[in-house]
């Protein structure tokens, strides 16, 4: 009995399904891994930094650990995209737990912070974005977050919602326009 298929990144950047147990040359496997690494590394870094607040100097170690785990047995991975995202989230959470358990040292930290004007502008911007997103519907909010914040492709979102990528692009356009009108309402007449 043949094993379940697994995703493999083709040379052109598209995903192809290869039956388990099929032999792949070392050169093509290395090229495919390089393509997967190059494709997913920026997304995994972004998730670890933005969602979990992992320091930039520690992010590459986490990303390498995720890929090392994947490389150890890629045949166990059915769907690469969710696997890698889940793995970086788990690694980031583990890092946070380990980091929170270690004693905090204030040596070498810059306590000056950003200038007050910059800090106030950032807080105001975050409040405006939060208020705008809270007034959007759940479908719009989730779609915008997945596309812009988490860097998911329209095809990935469409697949998870059992629809087409064209529908997701139309939905994104509608949601952006709706967010603009909400922002204009909040801002009031100029």
N, C-alpha and C. Protein backbone atom coordinates (compact mmCIF):
# COMPACT_ATOMS: atom_id res chain seq x y z
N UNK A 1 0.84 -1.18 0.00
CA UNK A 1 0.00 0.00 0.00
C UNK A 1 0.88 1.24 0.00
N UNK A 2 0.59 2.16 -0.86
CA UNK A 2 1.38 3.38 -1.01
C UNK A 2 0.99 4.38 0.08
N UNK A 3 1.97 5.17 0.56
CA UNK A 3 1.70 6.15 1.61
C UNK A 3 0.90 7.33 1.10
N UNK A 4 0.51 8.19 2.02
CA UNK A 4 -0.23 9.40 1.68
C UNK A 4 0.67 10.37 0.94
N UNK A 5 0.10 11.21 0.06
CA UNK A 5 0.93 12.18 -0.65
C UNK A 5 1.37 13.29 0.29
N UNK A 6 2.47 13.94 -0.04
CA UNK A 6 2.93 15.09 0.72
C UNK A 6 3.26 16.22 -0.24
N UNK A 7 3.15 17.47 0.27
CA UNK A 7 3.44 18.62 -0.58
C UNK A 7 4.93 18.78 -0.77
N UNK A 8 5.32 19.14 -1.97
CA UNK A 8 6.72 19.43 -2.27
C UNK A 8 6.73 20.70 -3.10
N UNK A 9 7.60 21.61 -2.77
CA UNK A 9 7.69 22.86 -3.52
C UNK A 9 8.44 22.61 -4.81
N UNK A 10 7.79 22.88 -5.92
CA UNK A 10 8.42 22.69 -7.23
C UNK A 10 9.36 23.85 -7.52
N UNK A 11 10.20 23.68 -8.50
CA UNK A 11 11.19 24.69 -8.85
C UNK A 11 10.57 26.02 -9.26
N UNK A 12 9.36 26.00 -9.82
CA UNK A 12 8.73 27.25 -10.24
C UNK A 12 8.01 27.96 -9.11
N UNK A 13 8.08 27.42 -7.89
CA UNK A 13 7.43 28.05 -6.74
C UNK A 13 6.06 27.49 -6.45
N UNK A 14 5.54 26.62 -7.31
CA UNK A 14 4.23 26.04 -7.06
C UNK A 14 4.38 24.77 -6.23
N UNK A 15 3.30 24.39 -5.58
CA UNK A 15 3.33 23.20 -4.75
C UNK A 15 2.89 22.01 -5.60
N UNK A 16 3.57 20.88 -5.47
CA UNK A 16 3.16 19.68 -6.17
C UNK A 16 3.05 18.55 -5.16
N UNK A 17 2.27 17.56 -5.47
CA UNK A 17 2.05 16.44 -4.57
C UNK A 17 2.87 15.27 -5.07
N UNK A 18 3.69 14.70 -4.16
CA UNK A 18 4.55 13.58 -4.49
C UNK A 18 4.16 12.42 -3.59
N UNK A 19 3.88 11.24 -4.13
CA UNK A 19 3.54 10.10 -3.27
C UNK A 19 4.69 9.77 -2.33
N UNK A 20 4.33 9.42 -1.11
CA UNK A 20 5.37 9.05 -0.14
C UNK A 20 6.09 7.81 -0.62
N UNK A 21 7.33 7.76 -0.34
CA UNK A 21 8.13 6.61 -0.73
C UNK A 21 8.78 6.78 -2.08
N UNK A 22 8.38 7.77 -2.87
CA UNK A 22 8.98 8.00 -4.19
C UNK A 22 10.36 8.63 -3.96
N UNK A 23 11.33 8.14 -4.66
CA UNK A 23 12.69 8.62 -4.50
C UNK A 23 12.88 9.99 -5.16
N UNK A 24 13.55 10.88 -4.46
CA UNK A 24 13.88 12.20 -4.98
C UNK A 24 15.38 12.34 -4.85
N UNK A 25 16.06 12.81 -5.89
CA UNK A 25 17.51 12.93 -5.83
C UNK A 25 17.91 13.95 -4.77
N UNK A 26 19.11 13.80 -4.23
CA UNK A 26 19.60 14.71 -3.20
C UNK A 26 19.67 16.14 -3.69
N UNK A 27 20.09 16.32 -4.96
CA UNK A 27 20.18 17.67 -5.52
C UNK A 27 18.82 18.33 -5.62
N UNK A 28 17.83 17.59 -6.13
CA UNK A 28 16.50 18.19 -6.27
C UNK A 28 15.87 18.41 -4.90
N UNK A 29 16.14 17.52 -3.94
CA UNK A 29 15.61 17.71 -2.59
C UNK A 29 16.22 18.96 -1.95
N UNK A 30 17.51 19.16 -2.15
CA UNK A 30 18.17 20.35 -1.60
C UNK A 30 17.64 21.61 -2.26
N UNK A 31 17.43 21.56 -3.56
CA UNK A 31 16.89 22.72 -4.27
C UNK A 31 15.47 23.02 -3.80
N UNK A 32 14.68 21.99 -3.60
CA UNK A 32 13.31 22.19 -3.12
C UNK A 32 13.31 22.75 -1.71
N UNK A 33 14.19 22.22 -0.86
CA UNK A 33 14.26 22.74 0.50
C UNK A 33 14.68 24.21 0.49
N UNK A 34 15.66 24.56 -0.34
CA UNK A 34 16.08 25.96 -0.45
C UNK A 34 14.91 26.84 -0.89
N UNK A 35 14.11 26.34 -1.82
CA UNK A 35 12.95 27.11 -2.28
C UNK A 35 11.92 27.27 -1.17
N UNK A 36 11.67 26.20 -0.42
CA UNK A 36 10.72 26.27 0.71
C UNK A 36 11.26 27.25 1.75
N UNK A 37 12.53 27.14 2.06
CA UNK A 37 13.14 28.03 3.05
C UNK A 37 13.05 29.49 2.61
N UNK A 38 13.39 29.76 1.36
CA UNK A 38 13.33 31.12 0.85
C UNK A 38 11.92 31.67 0.81
N UNK A 39 10.94 30.81 0.57
CA UNK A 39 9.55 31.24 0.49
C UNK A 39 8.98 31.53 1.87
N UNK A 40 9.24 30.65 2.84
CA UNK A 40 8.57 30.75 4.14
C UNK A 40 9.36 31.50 5.21
N UNK A 41 10.64 31.67 5.05
CA UNK A 41 11.45 32.33 6.07
C UNK A 41 10.93 33.73 6.43
N UNK A 42 10.63 34.61 5.45
CA UNK A 42 10.14 35.94 5.82
C UNK A 42 8.82 35.90 6.58
N UNK A 43 7.91 35.01 6.19
CA UNK A 43 6.63 34.89 6.88
C UNK A 43 6.83 34.42 8.32
N UNK A 44 7.66 33.41 8.52
CA UNK A 44 7.89 32.88 9.87
C UNK A 44 8.56 33.93 10.76
N UNK A 45 9.51 34.68 10.19
CA UNK A 45 10.15 35.75 10.95
C UNK A 45 9.12 36.81 11.36
N UNK A 46 8.27 37.18 10.42
CA UNK A 46 7.26 38.21 10.69
C UNK A 46 6.31 37.77 11.81
N UNK A 47 5.87 36.52 11.75
CA UNK A 47 4.95 36.01 12.78
C UNK A 47 5.63 36.04 14.15
N UNK A 48 6.87 35.56 14.22
CA UNK A 48 7.57 35.51 15.51
C UNK A 48 7.80 36.90 16.08
N UNK A 49 8.16 37.85 15.22
CA UNK A 49 8.46 39.20 15.70
C UNK A 49 7.19 39.96 16.06
N UNK A 50 6.22 39.98 15.15
CA UNK A 50 5.02 40.79 15.35
C UNK A 50 4.02 40.19 16.32
N UNK A 51 3.77 38.91 16.21
CA UNK A 51 2.75 38.29 17.04
C UNK A 51 3.25 37.95 18.43
N UNK A 52 4.51 37.52 18.53
CA UNK A 52 5.02 37.05 19.81
C UNK A 52 6.08 37.97 20.42
N UNK A 53 6.50 38.99 19.68
CA UNK A 53 7.47 39.93 20.22
C UNK A 53 8.84 39.32 20.46
N UNK A 54 9.22 38.37 19.65
CA UNK A 54 10.53 37.73 19.79
C UNK A 54 11.58 38.73 19.32
N UNK A 55 12.66 38.89 20.10
CA UNK A 55 13.72 39.82 19.68
C UNK A 55 14.31 39.41 18.33
N UNK A 56 14.64 40.40 17.53
CA UNK A 56 15.14 40.16 16.17
C UNK A 56 16.37 39.25 16.19
N UNK A 57 17.24 39.44 17.17
CA UNK A 57 18.46 38.63 17.21
C UNK A 57 18.18 37.16 17.54
N UNK A 58 16.99 36.83 18.06
CA UNK A 58 16.67 35.44 18.40
C UNK A 58 15.77 34.77 17.37
N UNK A 59 15.20 35.54 16.46
CA UNK A 59 14.22 35.00 15.51
C UNK A 59 14.84 33.98 14.57
N UNK A 60 16.01 34.25 14.03
CA UNK A 60 16.60 33.32 13.07
C UNK A 60 16.87 31.96 13.70
N UNK A 61 17.24 31.93 14.98
CA UNK A 61 17.44 30.65 15.65
C UNK A 61 16.14 29.85 15.69
N UNK A 62 15.02 30.52 16.00
CA UNK A 62 13.74 29.83 16.03
C UNK A 62 13.35 29.32 14.64
N UNK A 63 13.54 30.15 13.64
CA UNK A 63 13.20 29.75 12.27
C UNK A 63 14.05 28.56 11.84
N UNK A 64 15.33 28.57 12.16
CA UNK A 64 16.21 27.44 11.82
C UNK A 64 15.77 26.17 12.54
N UNK A 65 15.35 26.30 13.82
CA UNK A 65 14.86 25.14 14.55
C UNK A 65 13.62 24.54 13.89
N UNK A 66 12.72 25.42 13.45
CA UNK A 66 11.50 24.94 12.77
C UNK A 66 11.86 24.18 11.51
N UNK A 67 12.75 24.73 10.70
CA UNK A 67 13.13 24.07 9.46
C UNK A 67 13.95 22.81 9.72
N UNK A 68 14.74 22.79 10.78
CA UNK A 68 15.49 21.58 11.11
C UNK A 68 14.55 20.45 11.50
N UNK A 69 13.49 20.79 12.25
CA UNK A 69 12.50 19.78 12.61
C UNK A 69 11.79 19.26 11.37
N UNK A 70 11.43 20.17 10.48
CA UNK A 70 10.78 19.77 9.23
C UNK A 70 11.71 18.90 8.39
N UNK A 71 12.97 19.30 8.29
CA UNK A 71 13.93 18.57 7.46
C UNK A 71 14.22 17.18 8.02
N UNK A 72 14.10 17.02 9.34
CA UNK A 72 14.37 15.72 9.95
C UNK A 72 13.43 14.64 9.42
N UNK A 73 12.19 15.01 9.13
CA UNK A 73 11.25 14.03 8.60
C UNK A 73 10.14 14.72 7.82
N UNK A 74 10.43 15.22 6.63
CA UNK A 74 9.43 15.95 5.86
C UNK A 74 8.26 15.08 5.40
N UNK A 75 8.44 13.77 5.38
CA UNK A 75 7.36 12.91 4.92
C UNK A 75 6.19 12.87 5.90
N UNK A 76 6.40 13.30 7.16
CA UNK A 76 5.32 13.33 8.14
C UNK A 76 4.44 14.56 7.99
N UNK A 77 4.84 15.50 7.15
CA UNK A 77 4.10 16.75 6.99
C UNK A 77 3.13 16.62 5.82
N UNK A 78 1.84 16.77 6.12
CA UNK A 78 0.83 16.66 5.06
C UNK A 78 0.63 17.98 4.33
N UNK A 79 0.52 19.06 5.09
CA UNK A 79 0.28 20.38 4.50
C UNK A 79 1.33 21.32 5.06
N UNK A 80 2.24 21.76 4.23
CA UNK A 80 3.43 22.48 4.65
C UNK A 80 3.12 23.83 5.29
N UNK A 81 2.26 24.63 4.67
CA UNK A 81 1.98 26.00 5.16
C UNK A 81 1.46 26.00 6.61
N UNK A 82 0.39 25.26 6.92
CA UNK A 82 -0.07 25.26 8.30
C UNK A 82 0.94 24.65 9.27
N UNK A 83 1.67 23.63 8.80
CA UNK A 83 2.68 23.02 9.67
C UNK A 83 3.73 24.04 10.10
N UNK A 84 4.27 24.78 9.13
CA UNK A 84 5.32 25.74 9.45
C UNK A 84 4.80 26.88 10.34
N UNK A 85 3.60 27.35 10.07
CA UNK A 85 3.03 28.42 10.90
C UNK A 85 2.81 27.91 12.32
N UNK A 86 2.24 26.72 12.44
CA UNK A 86 2.04 26.15 13.77
C UNK A 86 3.35 25.93 14.50
N UNK A 87 4.35 25.48 13.77
CA UNK A 87 5.66 25.21 14.39
C UNK A 87 6.32 26.50 14.88
N UNK A 88 6.24 27.58 14.10
CA UNK A 88 6.86 28.83 14.57
C UNK A 88 6.08 29.41 15.74
N UNK A 89 4.77 29.25 15.75
CA UNK A 89 3.97 29.71 16.89
C UNK A 89 4.35 28.94 18.15
N UNK A 90 4.47 27.62 18.03
CA UNK A 90 4.86 26.81 19.18
C UNK A 90 6.26 27.15 19.66
N UNK A 91 7.19 27.31 18.72
CA UNK A 91 8.57 27.64 19.09
C UNK A 91 8.63 29.01 19.76
N UNK A 92 7.83 29.96 19.26
CA UNK A 92 7.81 31.30 19.85
C UNK A 92 7.22 31.27 21.26
N UNK A 93 6.14 30.51 21.44
CA UNK A 93 5.55 30.39 22.78
C UNK A 93 6.54 29.76 23.76
N UNK A 94 7.24 28.73 23.29
CA UNK A 94 8.23 28.07 24.14
C UNK A 94 9.36 29.05 24.49
N UNK A 95 9.79 29.82 23.52
CA UNK A 95 10.83 30.82 23.76
C UNK A 95 10.35 31.82 24.81
N UNK A 96 9.10 32.29 24.67
CA UNK A 96 8.53 33.25 25.61
C UNK A 96 8.48 32.67 27.02
N UNK A 97 8.03 31.42 27.14
CA UNK A 97 7.97 30.78 28.48
C UNK A 97 9.37 30.67 29.07
N UNK A 98 10.33 30.26 28.25
CA UNK A 98 11.70 30.12 28.72
C UNK A 98 12.28 31.49 29.08
N UNK A 99 11.97 32.51 28.26
CA UNK A 99 12.47 33.86 28.48
C UNK A 99 11.86 34.46 29.74
N UNK A 100 10.56 34.23 29.97
CA UNK A 100 9.89 34.76 31.16
C UNK A 100 10.40 34.10 32.42
N UNK A 101 10.87 32.86 32.33
CA UNK A 101 11.37 32.15 33.50
C UNK A 101 12.78 32.57 33.86
N UNK A 102 13.50 33.14 32.91
CA UNK A 102 14.88 33.54 33.20
C UNK A 102 14.89 34.91 33.89
N UNK A 103 15.88 35.12 34.76
CA UNK A 103 15.94 36.42 35.43
C UNK A 103 16.21 37.54 34.43
N UNK A 104 15.61 38.69 34.68
CA UNK A 104 15.75 39.82 33.77
C UNK A 104 16.95 40.65 34.20
N UNK A 105 17.78 40.96 33.23
CA UNK A 105 18.95 41.79 33.48
C UNK A 105 18.75 43.11 32.76
N UNK A 106 19.01 44.20 33.47
CA UNK A 106 18.81 45.51 32.86
C UNK A 106 20.09 46.05 32.22
N UNK A 107 21.16 45.25 32.26
CA UNK A 107 22.41 45.71 31.67
C UNK A 107 22.29 45.81 30.16
N UNK A 108 22.77 46.89 29.61
CA UNK A 108 22.79 47.06 28.17
C UNK A 108 21.46 47.48 27.56
N UNK A 109 20.43 47.67 28.38
CA UNK A 109 19.14 48.10 27.84
C UNK A 109 19.10 49.61 27.72
N UNK A 110 18.48 50.08 26.66
CA UNK A 110 18.31 51.51 26.44
C UNK A 110 16.95 51.91 27.01
N UNK A 111 16.94 52.63 28.12
CA UNK A 111 15.69 53.00 28.80
C UNK A 111 15.14 54.33 28.30
N UNK A 112 15.82 54.96 27.36
CA UNK A 112 15.37 56.28 26.93
C UNK A 112 14.05 56.19 26.15
N UNK A 113 13.84 55.12 25.38
CA UNK A 113 12.59 54.96 24.64
C UNK A 113 12.47 55.97 23.51
N UNK A 114 11.38 55.88 22.76
CA UNK A 114 11.18 56.82 21.65
C UNK A 114 10.77 58.18 22.19
N UNK A 115 10.95 59.23 21.39
CA UNK A 115 10.50 60.55 21.80
C UNK A 115 9.00 60.53 22.07
N UNK A 116 8.55 61.41 22.96
CA UNK A 116 7.15 61.42 23.39
C UNK A 116 6.18 61.61 22.22
N UNK A 117 6.52 62.49 21.29
CA UNK A 117 5.64 62.73 20.14
C UNK A 117 5.46 61.45 19.32
N UNK A 118 6.55 60.74 19.10
CA UNK A 118 6.51 59.50 18.34
C UNK A 118 5.68 58.45 19.06
N UNK A 119 5.82 58.39 20.37
CA UNK A 119 5.06 57.44 21.18
C UNK A 119 3.57 57.74 21.11
N UNK A 120 3.20 59.01 21.23
CA UNK A 120 1.79 59.41 21.18
C UNK A 120 1.21 59.10 19.79
N UNK A 121 1.95 59.42 18.73
CA UNK A 121 1.48 59.12 17.37
C UNK A 121 1.25 57.63 17.18
N UNK A 122 2.14 56.80 17.71
CA UNK A 122 1.98 55.36 17.60
C UNK A 122 0.76 54.85 18.34
N UNK A 123 0.52 55.39 19.54
CA UNK A 123 -0.65 54.99 20.32
C UNK A 123 -1.93 55.40 19.60
N UNK A 124 -1.97 56.63 19.11
CA UNK A 124 -3.15 57.11 18.38
C UNK A 124 -3.39 56.26 17.13
N UNK A 125 -2.35 55.97 16.38
CA UNK A 125 -2.48 55.15 15.18
C UNK A 125 -3.04 53.77 15.54
N UNK A 126 -2.52 53.15 16.60
CA UNK A 126 -3.01 51.84 17.01
C UNK A 126 -4.47 51.89 17.46
N UNK A 127 -4.86 52.95 18.15
CA UNK A 127 -6.25 53.10 18.57
C UNK A 127 -7.18 53.26 17.37
N UNK A 128 -6.76 54.06 16.41
CA UNK A 128 -7.58 54.25 15.20
C UNK A 128 -7.74 52.94 14.45
N UNK A 129 -6.65 52.19 14.29
CA UNK A 129 -6.71 50.91 13.59
C UNK A 129 -7.60 49.93 14.36
N UNK A 130 -7.44 49.85 15.68
CA UNK A 130 -8.25 48.94 16.49
C UNK A 130 -9.72 49.29 16.41
N UNK A 131 -10.03 50.58 16.51
CA UNK A 131 -11.43 51.01 16.44
C UNK A 131 -12.02 50.71 15.07
N UNK A 132 -11.27 50.98 14.02
CA UNK A 132 -11.75 50.71 12.66
C UNK A 132 -12.00 49.22 12.48
N UNK A 133 -11.06 48.38 12.89
CA UNK A 133 -11.21 46.94 12.74
C UNK A 133 -12.37 46.40 13.58
N UNK A 134 -12.58 46.98 14.75
CA UNK A 134 -13.67 46.50 15.60
C UNK A 134 -15.04 46.80 14.99
N UNK A 135 -15.12 47.85 14.19
CA UNK A 135 -16.39 48.20 13.55
C UNK A 135 -16.64 47.43 12.26
N UNK A 136 -15.61 46.79 11.73
CA UNK A 136 -15.78 45.93 10.56
C UNK A 136 -16.43 44.62 11.00
N UNK A 137 -17.03 43.93 10.09
CA UNK A 137 -17.59 42.62 10.41
C UNK A 137 -16.49 41.61 10.64
N UNK A 138 -16.87 40.49 11.22
CA UNK A 138 -15.90 39.43 11.53
C UNK A 138 -15.21 38.92 10.27
N UNK A 139 -15.98 38.72 9.20
CA UNK A 139 -15.40 38.19 7.97
C UNK A 139 -14.35 39.15 7.41
N UNK A 140 -14.66 40.45 7.38
CA UNK A 140 -13.70 41.43 6.87
C UNK A 140 -12.47 41.51 7.77
N UNK A 141 -12.69 41.58 9.06
CA UNK A 141 -11.58 41.70 10.01
C UNK A 141 -10.64 40.51 9.87
N UNK A 142 -11.22 39.30 9.85
CA UNK A 142 -10.40 38.10 9.76
C UNK A 142 -9.64 38.04 8.43
N UNK A 143 -10.31 38.39 7.34
CA UNK A 143 -9.67 38.33 6.02
C UNK A 143 -8.53 39.33 5.92
N UNK A 144 -8.75 40.56 6.38
CA UNK A 144 -7.69 41.58 6.34
C UNK A 144 -6.50 41.16 7.21
N UNK A 145 -6.77 40.62 8.39
CA UNK A 145 -5.69 40.20 9.28
C UNK A 145 -4.89 39.06 8.66
N UNK A 146 -5.59 38.07 8.11
CA UNK A 146 -4.89 36.94 7.53
C UNK A 146 -4.05 37.36 6.33
N UNK A 147 -4.58 38.26 5.50
CA UNK A 147 -3.87 38.66 4.29
C UNK A 147 -2.72 39.61 4.60
N UNK A 148 -2.98 40.66 5.39
CA UNK A 148 -1.96 41.69 5.61
C UNK A 148 -1.08 41.41 6.82
N UNK A 149 -1.64 40.97 7.91
CA UNK A 149 -0.85 40.78 9.13
C UNK A 149 -0.07 39.47 9.11
N UNK A 150 -0.74 38.38 8.71
CA UNK A 150 -0.10 37.08 8.75
C UNK A 150 0.53 36.69 7.42
N UNK A 151 0.30 37.50 6.37
CA UNK A 151 0.95 37.27 5.09
C UNK A 151 0.44 36.07 4.33
N UNK A 152 -0.78 35.61 4.61
CA UNK A 152 -1.33 34.48 3.88
C UNK A 152 -1.70 34.91 2.47
N UNK A 153 -1.64 34.00 1.56
CA UNK A 153 -2.03 34.30 0.18
C UNK A 153 -3.55 34.22 0.06
N UNK A 154 -4.06 34.86 -0.97
CA UNK A 154 -5.51 34.81 -1.23
C UNK A 154 -5.93 33.37 -1.51
N UNK A 155 -5.07 32.63 -2.18
CA UNK A 155 -5.38 31.23 -2.49
C UNK A 155 -5.50 30.40 -1.21
N UNK A 156 -4.60 30.63 -0.25
CA UNK A 156 -4.65 29.91 1.02
C UNK A 156 -5.93 30.24 1.79
N UNK A 157 -6.29 31.51 1.82
CA UNK A 157 -7.52 31.92 2.51
C UNK A 157 -8.72 31.31 1.80
N UNK A 158 -8.72 31.36 0.47
CA UNK A 158 -9.83 30.81 -0.30
C UNK A 158 -9.98 29.31 -0.07
N UNK A 159 -8.86 28.61 -0.02
CA UNK A 159 -8.91 27.17 0.21
C UNK A 159 -9.51 26.85 1.57
N UNK A 160 -9.12 27.59 2.60
CA UNK A 160 -9.65 27.34 3.93
C UNK A 160 -11.13 27.68 4.03
N UNK A 161 -11.61 28.57 3.18
CA UNK A 161 -13.03 28.96 3.20
C UNK A 161 -13.84 28.27 2.10
N UNK A 162 -13.19 27.39 1.35
CA UNK A 162 -13.84 26.65 0.28
C UNK A 162 -14.48 27.59 -0.74
N UNK A 163 -13.69 28.53 -1.23
CA UNK A 163 -14.14 29.49 -2.23
C UNK A 163 -12.99 29.76 -3.20
N UNK A 164 -13.15 30.74 -4.06
CA UNK A 164 -12.10 31.03 -5.04
C UNK A 164 -11.23 32.21 -4.59
N UNK A 165 -10.03 32.27 -5.15
CA UNK A 165 -9.12 33.38 -4.84
C UNK A 165 -9.69 34.70 -5.35
N UNK A 166 -10.40 34.66 -6.48
CA UNK A 166 -11.03 35.88 -7.00
C UNK A 166 -12.04 36.45 -6.01
N UNK A 167 -12.80 35.58 -5.37
CA UNK A 167 -13.75 36.04 -4.36
C UNK A 167 -13.00 36.73 -3.21
N UNK A 168 -11.89 36.15 -2.79
CA UNK A 168 -11.10 36.73 -1.69
C UNK A 168 -10.57 38.10 -2.10
N UNK A 169 -10.10 38.24 -3.34
CA UNK A 169 -9.63 39.56 -3.79
C UNK A 169 -10.77 40.58 -3.80
N UNK A 170 -11.96 40.16 -4.25
CA UNK A 170 -13.11 41.07 -4.21
C UNK A 170 -13.48 41.42 -2.77
N UNK A 171 -13.43 40.43 -1.89
CA UNK A 171 -13.73 40.67 -0.47
C UNK A 171 -12.72 41.63 0.14
N UNK A 172 -11.44 41.45 -0.17
CA UNK A 172 -10.41 42.36 0.33
C UNK A 172 -10.66 43.79 -0.15
N UNK A 173 -11.03 43.95 -1.40
CA UNK A 173 -11.32 45.27 -1.94
C UNK A 173 -12.51 45.90 -1.20
N UNK A 174 -13.57 45.11 -1.01
CA UNK A 174 -14.74 45.61 -0.28
C UNK A 174 -14.36 46.00 1.15
N UNK A 175 -13.59 45.16 1.82
CA UNK A 175 -13.21 45.40 3.22
C UNK A 175 -12.33 46.65 3.34
N UNK A 176 -11.40 46.83 2.43
CA UNK A 176 -10.56 48.03 2.45
C UNK A 176 -11.40 49.29 2.27
N UNK A 177 -12.34 49.24 1.31
CA UNK A 177 -13.23 50.39 1.09
C UNK A 177 -14.10 50.65 2.31
N UNK A 178 -14.59 49.60 2.93
CA UNK A 178 -15.42 49.75 4.15
C UNK A 178 -14.57 50.34 5.28
N UNK A 179 -13.34 49.89 5.43
CA UNK A 179 -12.46 50.43 6.48
C UNK A 179 -12.17 51.91 6.22
N UNK A 180 -11.98 52.29 4.96
CA UNK A 180 -11.76 53.71 4.64
C UNK A 180 -12.96 54.55 5.02
N UNK A 181 -14.16 54.07 4.71
CA UNK A 181 -15.36 54.86 5.04
C UNK A 181 -15.56 54.96 6.55
N UNK A 182 -15.26 53.91 7.29
CA UNK A 182 -15.34 53.96 8.76
C UNK A 182 -14.33 54.98 9.29
N UNK A 183 -13.12 54.95 8.75
CA UNK A 183 -12.10 55.91 9.17
C UNK A 183 -12.54 57.34 8.89
N UNK A 184 -13.11 57.57 7.72
CA UNK A 184 -13.57 58.92 7.37
C UNK A 184 -14.69 59.38 8.31
N UNK A 185 -15.60 58.46 8.68
CA UNK A 185 -16.67 58.79 9.63
C UNK A 185 -16.09 59.20 10.97
N UNK A 186 -15.10 58.44 11.44
CA UNK A 186 -14.49 58.73 12.74
C UNK A 186 -13.74 60.07 12.72
N UNK A 187 -13.08 60.34 11.61
CA UNK A 187 -12.29 61.55 11.50
C UNK A 187 -13.16 62.80 11.44
N UNK A 188 -14.35 62.65 10.87
CA UNK A 188 -15.27 63.76 10.78
C UNK A 188 -14.93 64.67 9.62
N UNK A 189 -15.73 65.74 9.44
CA UNK A 189 -15.49 66.67 8.31
C UNK A 189 -14.21 67.48 8.53
N UNK A 190 -13.55 67.73 7.42
CA UNK A 190 -12.31 68.52 7.50
C UNK A 190 -12.55 69.94 7.15
